[in-house]
């Protein structure tokens, strides 16, 4: 059975995105970056993080929240 990574730590998010760990933590505190809290641990769901990064992309062809495209 192949295991697939579902969540990342703040340090792993920093490495994968190229952001500093302090920026990841700041975005977390501000509620900007998608995350979940399990006990005292903060985890970042890979799928939600990927979707969030796509939404942040300038010139993205991802649909708007109302279901439309770029225009």
Foldseek 3Di string as FASTA:
>chain_A
DDDDDFKDALVVCCVVVVHDSVVSVVCVVVVNADWDDDPNGIIHTPVSRVVSVLVVDPPRQDADPVRHGDD
